[in-house]
Amino acid sequence: MTKESNPIDLDIVETIAVRMSGTGGQGLILAGRLLAESAVHDGMDILLTNSYGPEARGGASRSEVVIGKGRIDLLHSPKVDVLVTLSQKSCNSYFNDLKDRGLLITDSTNVGVIPTSRAIEVPMTQLALKELGNRMVTNVISLGVLCAVSQVITVDALRAAVEARAPKPYLDLNMKAIDLGVAEGQKALAKVAKIMDASIFDYSSIREGKAPARLRTRKISQRIKR
C-alpha cells in the first residue's frame, strides 16, 4: 500500500510539546493561550491544556501547548520538548518530564538551582521590573525568549496574538516585553554557545511539515548575529 492510498499515514505529523510552568499569579495560563494563538497565526494546529494548583495565587500552575502541522490526536504528552519554568518549584517538579536533550528555559530571578548546564537562563522577573517597571509582563517576556531560542513561533505571530488580547492601555508595554524577551533570549543563547558547543532543536521546520532539525548553538548564535 502506498502512502498516498493510506489516509492514516497522511495524518501522521511531527509535533512539539511546550510546557509553560510556574506558580499561580505569574500568568502562565495566559502565556499558554498566547503561545497557542501565536501558533495558529503561523498556520499551525494546536492542542492546549491547563492545570491549576489548589491555591488561586502561589499554587502550582502550568499550561501545555502541543503544536503541529495537521491533525493532532495527542491529548497529553508525558514528555515535553520545551519546558519554560518561572519558579524553582516548577523547575524541580517538571524537569524530569523534559525529553532527553530537550530545551529548558528558566527565569533565573526565581530559579537558582538548575539541573542542567544546557539551560537558557534569563532573569525575566528582574528585567520586567527594572526595564519595564511591571512584573506582570514577565510571562510575555518568557514568550519572547521562547520565540528567539526555539523558533517554534515567529515574532510577528506573537505580536499579533498579544495585540489581539492586550488591553489598549497596556499594548505598548506588552510589545516592549516581547522585544526585551527576544533580545535577552538571543544573548542567553550566545552565552551558552560560548560555554559549550551544545546542540538544540530549531523547531521552525515544524511550520513546513518537517521534522525539527538539530542545530549547533554556535551556528545559531552566528546566524543571530548576522
C-alpha atoms as a PDB file:
ATOM      1  CA  MET A   1       0.000   0.000   0.000  1.00  0.00           C
ATOM      2  CA  THR A   2       1.448   3.374  -0.928  1.00  0.00           C
ATOM      3  CA  LYS A   3       1.485   6.362   1.369  1.00  0.00           C
ATOM      4  CA  GLU A   4      -0.927   8.171  -0.934  1.00  0.00           C
ATOM      5  CA  SER A   5      -3.530   5.405  -0.577  1.00  0.00           C
ATOM      6  CA  ASN A   6      -3.333   5.204   3.214  1.00  0.00           C
ATOM      7  CA  PRO A   7      -5.342   8.016   4.849  1.00  0.00           C
ATOM      8  CA  ILE A   8      -3.895   7.171   8.266  1.00  0.00           C
ATOM      9  CA  ASP A   9      -0.362   7.946   7.126  1.00  0.00           C
ATOM     10  CA  LEU A  10      -1.480  11.364   5.934  1.00  0.00           C
ATOM     11  CA  ASP A  11      -2.448  12.297   9.496  1.00  0.00           C
ATOM     12  CA  ILE A  12       0.947  11.468  10.995  1.00  0.00           C
ATOM     13  CA  VAL A  13       2.594  14.780  11.867  1.00  0.00           C
ATOM     14  CA  GLU A  14       5.625  15.965  13.760  1.00  0.00           C
ATOM     15  CA  THR A  15       4.668  17.879  16.890  1.00  0.00           C
ATOM     16  CA  ILE A  16       6.328  19.887  19.610  1.00  0.00           C
ATOM     17  CA  ALA A  17       5.042  19.975  23.191  1.00  0.00           C
ATOM     18  CA  VAL A  18       5.778  23.159  25.157  1.00  0.00           C
ATOM     19  CA  ARG A  19       5.025  23.479  28.867  1.00  0.00           C
ATOM     20  CA  MET A  20       4.835  26.924  30.465  1.00  0.00           C
ATOM     21  CA  SER A  21       5.126  26.469  34.231  1.00  0.00           C
ATOM     22  CA  GLY A  22       5.367  28.429  37.448  1.00  0.00           C
ATOM     23  CA  THR A  23       3.078  29.457  40.291  1.00  0.00           C
ATOM     24  CA  GLY A  24      -0.394  30.951  40.362  1.00  0.00           C
ATOM     25  CA  GLY A  25      -0.327  34.676  39.673  1.00  0.00           C
ATOM     26  CA  GLN A  26       2.533  34.564  37.154  1.00  0.00           C
ATOM     27  CA  GLY A  27       0.214  34.469  34.149  1.00  0.00           C
ATOM     28  CA  LEU A  28       1.109  31.004  32.886  1.00  0.00           C
ATOM     29  CA  ILE A  29      -2.401  30.196  31.686  1.00  0.00           C
ATOM     30  CA  LEU A  30      -2.495  33.402  29.645  1.00  0.00           C
ATOM     31  CA  ALA A  31       1.008  32.673  28.347  1.00  0.00           C
ATOM     32  CA  GLY A  32      -0.175  29.282  27.125  1.00  0.00           C
ATOM     33  CA  ARG A  33      -3.117  30.854  25.336  1.00  0.00           C
ATOM     34  CA  LEU A  34      -0.874  33.436  23.710  1.00  0.00           C
ATOM     35  CA  LEU A  35       1.524  30.710  22.599  1.00  0.00           C
ATOM     36  CA  ALA A  36      -1.343  28.676  21.153  1.00  0.00           C
ATOM     37  CA  GLU A  37      -2.822  31.692  19.357  1.00  0.00           C
ATOM     38  CA  SER A  38       0.610  32.630  18.009  1.00  0.00           C
ATOM     39  CA  ALA A  39       0.970  29.134  16.552  1.00  0.00           C
ATOM     40  CA  VAL A  40      -2.431  29.492  14.892  1.00  0.00           C
ATOM     41  CA  HIS A  41      -1.301  32.809  13.372  1.00  0.00           C
ATOM     42  CA  ASP A  42       1.672  30.885  11.984  1.00  0.00           C
ATOM     43  CA  GLY A  43      -0.682  28.429  10.308  1.00  0.00           C
ATOM     44  CA  MET A  44      -0.192  25.641  12.839  1.00  0.00           C
ATOM     45  CA  ASP A  45      -2.636  23.330  14.594  1.00  0.00           C
ATOM     46  CA  ILE A  46      -2.659  23.177  18.394  1.00  0.00           C
ATOM     47  CA  LEU A  47      -3.954  21.415  21.471  1.00  0.00           C
ATOM     48  CA  LEU A  48      -3.994  23.425  24.702  1.00  0.00           C
ATOM     49  CA  THR A  49      -4.332  22.075  28.246  1.00  0.00           C
ATOM     50  CA  ASN A  50      -4.130  23.943  31.553  1.00  0.00           C
ATOM     51  CA  SER A  51      -3.514  22.846  35.132  1.00  0.00           C
ATOM     52  CA  TYR A  52      -4.095  24.895  38.286  1.00  0.00           C
ATOM     53  CA  GLY A  53      -2.901  24.276  41.826  1.00  0.00           C
ATOM     54  CA  PRO A  54      -5.270  24.280  44.807  1.00  0.00           C
ATOM     55  CA  GLU A  55      -4.499  27.913  45.556  1.00  0.00           C
ATOM     56  CA  ALA A  56      -5.549  30.735  43.238  1.00  0.00           C
ATOM     57  CA  ARG A  57      -2.259  32.513  43.804  1.00  0.00           C
ATOM     58  CA  GLY A  58       1.003  30.879  44.800  1.00  0.00           C
ATOM     59  CA  GLY A  59      -0.062  27.318  43.923  1.00  0.00           C
ATOM     60  CA  ALA A  60       1.273  25.294  41.016  1.00  0.00           C
ATOM     61  CA  SER A  61       0.230  26.462  37.567  1.00  0.00           C
ATOM     62  CA  ARG A  62       1.092  25.209  34.114  1.00  0.00           C
ATOM     63  CA  SER A  63      -0.110  25.420  30.553  1.00  0.00           C
ATOM     64  CA  GLU A  64       0.847  22.920  27.875  1.00  0.00           C
ATOM     65  CA  VAL A  65       0.608  23.513  24.150  1.00  0.00           C
ATOM     66  CA  VAL A  66       1.113  20.797  21.565  1.00  0.00           C
ATOM     67  CA  ILE A  67       1.889  22.334  18.172  1.00  0.00           C
ATOM     68  CA  GLY A  68       1.970  20.570  14.829  1.00  0.00           C
ATOM     69  CA  LYS A  69       1.012  20.663  11.184  1.00  0.00           C
ATOM     70  CA  GLY A  70      -2.130  18.664  10.567  1.00  0.00           C
ATOM     71  CA  ARG A  71      -4.484  16.808  12.888  1.00  0.00           C
ATOM     72  CA  ILE A  72      -3.120  16.313  16.402  1.00  0.00           C
ATOM     73  CA  ASP A  73      -4.590  13.398  18.340  1.00  0.00           C
ATOM     74  CA  LEU A  74      -2.241  13.615  21.332  1.00  0.00           C
ATOM     75  CA  LEU A  75      -4.286  14.806  24.309  1.00  0.00           C
ATOM     76  CA  HIS A  76      -1.451  14.744  26.796  1.00  0.00           C
ATOM     77  CA  SER A  77       2.268  14.481  26.251  1.00  0.00           C
ATOM     78  CA  PRO A  78       4.088  12.607  29.042  1.00  0.00           C
ATOM     79  CA  LYS A  79       7.326  14.180  27.870  1.00  0.00           C
ATOM     80  CA  VAL A  80       7.735  17.741  26.609  1.00  0.00           C
ATOM     81  CA  ASP A  81      10.188  19.169  24.089  1.00  0.00           C
ATOM     82  CA  VAL A  82      10.451  22.588  25.713  1.00  0.00           C
ATOM     83  CA  LEU A  83       9.987  23.471  29.375  1.00  0.00           C
ATOM     84  CA  VAL A  84       9.702  27.097  30.484  1.00  0.00           C
ATOM     85  CA  THR A  85       9.930  27.479  34.266  1.00  0.00           C
ATOM     86  CA  LEU A  86       9.325  30.725  36.145  1.00  0.00           C
ATOM     87  CA  SER A  87       9.749  29.275  39.652  1.00  0.00           C
ATOM     88  CA  GLN A  88      12.095  26.903  41.452  1.00  0.00           C
ATOM     89  CA  LYS A  89       9.207  24.638  42.428  1.00  0.00           C
ATOM     90  CA  SER A  90       8.064  24.208  38.846  1.00  0.00           C
ATOM     91  CA  CYS A  91      11.621  23.509  37.701  1.00  0.00           C
ATOM     92  CA  ASN A  92      12.018  20.831  40.373  1.00  0.00           C
ATOM     93  CA  SER A  93       8.606  19.317  39.641  1.00  0.00           C
ATOM     94  CA  TYR A  94       8.708  19.190  35.847  1.00  0.00           C
ATOM     95  CA  PHE A  95      12.340  18.813  34.792  1.00  0.00           C
ATOM     96  CA  ASN A  96      12.031  15.025  34.666  1.00  0.00           C
ATOM     97  CA  ASP A  97       9.183  15.478  32.167  1.00  0.00           C
ATOM     98  CA  LEU A  98      11.590  17.103  29.700  1.00  0.00           C
ATOM     99  CA  LYS A  99      12.713  14.912  26.817  1.00  0.00           C
ATOM    100  CA  ASP A 100      16.330  13.851  26.597  1.00  0.00           C
ATOM    101  CA  ARG A 101      18.278  16.917  25.440  1.00  0.00           C
ATOM    102  CA  GLY A 102      15.065  18.936  25.408  1.00  0.00           C
ATOM    103  CA  LEU A 103      15.166  22.698  25.836  1.00  0.00           C
ATOM    104  CA  LEU A 104      14.923  24.184  29.342  1.00  0.00           C
ATOM    105  CA  ILE A 105      14.264  27.932  29.680  1.00  0.00           C
ATOM    106  CA  THR A 106      14.320  29.387  33.197  1.00  0.00           C
ATOM    107  CA  ASP A 107      13.631  32.683  34.931  1.00  0.00           C
ATOM    108  CA  SER A 108      16.929  32.950  36.776  1.00  0.00           C
ATOM    109  CA  THR A 109      15.414  35.577  39.085  1.00  0.00           C
ATOM    110  CA  ASN A 110      13.455  32.796  40.778  1.00  0.00           C
ATOM    111  CA  VAL A 111      15.264  29.618  39.696  1.00  0.00           C
ATOM    112  CA  GLY A 112      18.636  29.363  41.419  1.00  0.00           C
ATOM    113  CA  VAL A 113      19.197  25.605  41.261  1.00  0.00           C
ATOM    114  CA  ILE A 114      19.189  24.388  37.670  1.00  0.00           C
ATOM    115  CA  PRO A 115      19.589  20.646  36.937  1.00  0.00           C
ATOM    116  CA  THR A 116      21.432  21.064  33.629  1.00  0.00           C
ATOM    117  CA  SER A 117      24.229  23.228  32.259  1.00  0.00           C
ATOM    118  CA  ARG A 118      22.388  23.489  28.941  1.00  0.00           C
ATOM    119  CA  ALA A 119      19.573  25.672  30.252  1.00  0.00           C
ATOM    120  CA  ILE A 120      18.743  29.052  28.775  1.00  0.00           C
ATOM    121  CA  GLU A 121      18.794  31.361  31.801  1.00  0.00           C
ATOM    122  CA  VAL A 122      17.214  34.823  31.664  1.00  0.00           C
ATOM    123  CA  PRO A 123      16.318  36.959  34.736  1.00  0.00           C
ATOM    124  CA  MET A 124      12.817  37.601  33.411  1.00  0.00           C
ATOM    125  CA  THR A 125      11.131  38.937  36.546  1.00  0.00           C
ATOM    126  CA  GLN A 126      14.068  41.216  37.280  1.00  0.00           C
ATOM    127  CA  LEU A 127      14.020  42.544  33.718  1.00  0.00           C
ATOM    128  CA  ALA A 128      10.270  43.124  33.864  1.00  0.00           C
ATOM    129  CA  LEU A 129      10.701  45.247  36.983  1.00  0.00           C
ATOM    130  CA  LYS A 130      13.932  47.033  36.063  1.00  0.00           C
ATOM    131  CA  GLU A 131      13.387  47.674  32.365  1.00  0.00           C
ATOM    132  CA  LEU A 132       9.600  47.922  32.136  1.00  0.00           C
ATOM    133  CA  GLY A 133       8.518  48.683  35.705  1.00  0.00           C
ATOM    134  CA  ASN A 134       5.890  45.950  35.787  1.00  0.00           C
ATOM    135  CA  ARG A 135       6.401  42.334  36.854  1.00  0.00           C
ATOM    136  CA  MET A 136       3.063  41.363  35.288  1.00  0.00           C
ATOM    137  CA  VAL A 137       4.664  41.192  31.824  1.00  0.00           C
ATOM    138  CA  THR A 138       7.178  38.528  32.893  1.00  0.00           C
ATOM    139  CA  ASN A 139       5.057  35.925  31.116  1.00  0.00           C
ATOM    140  CA  VAL A 140       5.214  37.886  27.848  1.00  0.00           C
ATOM    141  CA  ILE A 141       8.983  38.259  28.220  1.00  0.00           C
ATOM    142  CA  SER A 142       9.203  34.473  28.594  1.00  0.00           C
ATOM    143  CA  LEU A 143       7.373  34.052  25.286  1.00  0.00           C
ATOM    144  CA  GLY A 144       9.826  36.402  23.603  1.00  0.00           C
ATOM    145  CA  VAL A 145      12.702  34.314  24.951  1.00  0.00           C
ATOM    146  CA  LEU A 146      10.992  31.132  23.754  1.00  0.00           C
ATOM    147  CA  CYS A 147      10.482  32.643  20.320  1.00  0.00           C
ATOM    148  CA  ALA A 148      14.136  33.699  19.981  1.00  0.00           C
ATOM    149  CA  VAL A 149      15.659  30.458  21.211  1.00  0.00           C
ATOM    150  CA  SER A 150      13.425  27.749  19.751  1.00  0.00           C
ATOM    151  CA  GLN A 151      11.889  29.405  16.651  1.00  0.00           C
ATOM    152  CA  VAL A 152       8.708  27.465  17.433  1.00  0.00           C
ATOM    153  CA  ILE A 153       6.687  30.623  16.740  1.00  0.00           C
ATOM    154  CA  THR A 154       7.583  33.750  14.817  1.00  0.00           C
ATOM    155  CA  VAL A 155       7.876  37.189  16.380  1.00  0.00           C
ATOM    156  CA  ASP A 156       5.209  38.525  14.023  1.00  0.00           C
ATOM    157  CA  ALA A 157       2.761  35.833  15.138  1.00  0.00           C
ATOM    158  CA  LEU A 158       3.466  36.545  18.806  1.00  0.00           C
ATOM    159  CA  ARG A 159       2.901  40.247  18.236  1.00  0.00           C
ATOM    160  CA  ALA A 160      -0.405  39.534  16.504  1.00  0.00           C
ATOM    161  CA  ALA A 161      -1.587  37.303  19.342  1.00  0.00           C
ATOM    162  CA  VAL A 162      -0.642  39.852  22.011  1.00  0.00           C
ATOM    163  CA  GLU A 163      -2.207  42.712  20.074  1.00  0.00           C
ATOM    164  CA  ALA A 164      -5.492  40.799  19.896  1.00  0.00           C
ATOM    165  CA  ARG A 165      -5.584  40.168  23.665  1.00  0.00           C
ATOM    166  CA  ALA A 166      -3.801  43.033  25.430  1.00  0.00           C
ATOM    167  CA  PRO A 167      -5.929  45.960  26.669  1.00  0.00           C
ATOM    168  CA  LYS A 168      -5.095  49.063  24.638  1.00  0.00           C
ATOM    169  CA  PRO A 169      -3.552  50.981  27.575  1.00  0.00           C
ATOM    170  CA  TYR A 170      -1.061  48.119  28.038  1.00  0.00           C
ATOM    171  CA  LEU A 171      -0.394  47.215  24.418  1.00  0.00           C
ATOM    172  CA  ASP A 172       2.831  49.215  24.112  1.00  0.00           C
ATOM    173  CA  LEU A 173       4.127  47.725  27.375  1.00  0.00           C
ATOM    174  CA  ASN A 174       3.479  44.215  26.128  1.00  0.00           C
ATOM    175  CA  MET A 175       5.142  44.900  22.788  1.00  0.00           C
ATOM    176  CA  LYS A 176       8.210  46.147  24.632  1.00  0.00           C
ATOM    177  CA  ALA A 177       8.118  42.974  26.713  1.00  0.00           C
ATOM    178  CA  ILE A 178       8.224  40.874  23.523  1.00  0.00           C
ATOM    179  CA  ASP A 179      11.205  42.822  22.177  1.00  0.00           C
ATOM    180  CA  LEU A 180      13.003  42.566  25.514  1.00  0.00           C
ATOM    181  CA  GLY A 181      12.427  38.819  25.699  1.00  0.00           C
ATOM    182  CA  VAL A 182      13.665  38.259  22.157  1.00  0.00           C
ATOM    183  CA  ALA A 183      16.807  40.329  22.752  1.00  0.00           C
ATOM    184  CA  GLU A 184      17.609  38.634  26.056  1.00  0.00           C
ATOM    185  CA  GLY A 185      16.919  35.199  24.599  1.00  0.00           C
ATOM    186  CA  GLN A 186      19.429  35.867  21.843  1.00  0.00           C
ATOM    187  CA  LYS A 187      22.028  36.957  24.408  1.00  0.00           C
ATOM    188  CA  ALA A 188      21.443  33.861  26.537  1.00  0.00           C
ATOM    189  CA  LEU A 189      21.758  31.579  23.521  1.00  0.00           C
ATOM    190  CA  ALA A 190      25.048  33.205  22.528  1.00  0.00           C
ATOM    191  CA  LYS A 191      26.315  32.736  26.100  1.00  0.00           C
ATOM    192  CA  VAL A 192      25.524  29.020  26.067  1.00  0.00           C
ATOM    193  CA  ALA A 193      27.304  28.722  22.718  1.00  0.00           C
ATOM    194  CA  LYS A 194      30.476  30.187  24.237  1.00  0.00           C
ATOM    195  CA  ILE A 195      30.428  27.787  27.172  1.00  0.00           C
ATOM    196  CA  MET A 196      29.930  24.636  25.130  1.00  0.00           C
ATOM    197  CA  ASP A 197      29.136  23.622  21.595  1.00  0.00           C
ATOM    198  CA  ALA A 198      25.785  22.259  22.714  1.00  0.00           C
ATOM    199  CA  SER A 199      23.020  21.417  20.288  1.00  0.00           C
ATOM    200  CA  ILE A 200      19.320  22.227  20.463  1.00  0.00           C
ATOM    201  CA  PHE A 201      16.408  21.833  18.101  1.00  0.00           C
ATOM    202  CA  ASP A 202      15.304  24.517  15.668  1.00  0.00           C
ATOM    203  CA  TYR A 203      11.544  23.980  15.561  1.00  0.00           C
ATOM    204  CA  SER A 204      10.822  26.375  12.694  1.00  0.00           C
ATOM    205  CA  SER A 205      10.786  23.385  10.328  1.00  0.00           C
ATOM    206  CA  ILE A 206       7.556  22.210  12.008  1.00  0.00           C
ATOM    207  CA  ARG A 207       5.750  25.015  10.166  1.00  0.00           C
ATOM    208  CA  GLU A 208       6.809  23.395   6.901  1.00  0.00           C
ATOM    209  CA  GLY A 209       5.525  19.985   7.969  1.00  0.00           C
ATOM    210  CA  LYS A 210       9.055  18.669   8.512  1.00  0.00           C
ATOM    211  CA  ALA A 211      10.777  17.102  11.478  1.00  0.00           C
ATOM    212  CA  PRO A 212      12.670  19.602  13.673  1.00  0.00           C
ATOM    213  CA  ALA A 213      16.335  19.941  12.819  1.00  0.00           C
ATOM    214  CA  ARG A 214      19.080  19.751  15.427  1.00  0.00           C
ATOM    215  CA  LEU A 215      21.435  22.698  15.183  1.00  0.00           C
ATOM    216  CA  ARG A 216      24.609  23.626  16.985  1.00  0.00           C
ATOM    217  CA  THR A 217      24.298  26.591  19.317  1.00  0.00           C
ATOM    218  CA  ARG A 218      27.406  28.177  17.836  1.00  0.00           C
ATOM    219  CA  LYS A 219      25.813  28.164  14.388  1.00  0.00           C
ATOM    220  CA  ILE A 220      22.547  29.523  15.757  1.00  0.00           C
ATOM    221  CA  SER A 221      24.433  32.253  17.588  1.00  0.00           C
ATOM    222  CA  GLN A 222      26.285  33.208  14.420  1.00  0.00           C
ATOM    223  CA  ARG A 223      23.028  33.299  12.490  1.00  0.00           C
ATOM    224  CA  ILE A 224      21.502  35.652  15.061  1.00  0.00           C
ATOM    225  CA  LYS A 225      24.488  37.999  14.888  1.00  0.00           C
ATOM    226  CA  ARG A 226      24.089  38.322  11.140  1.00  0.00           C
END
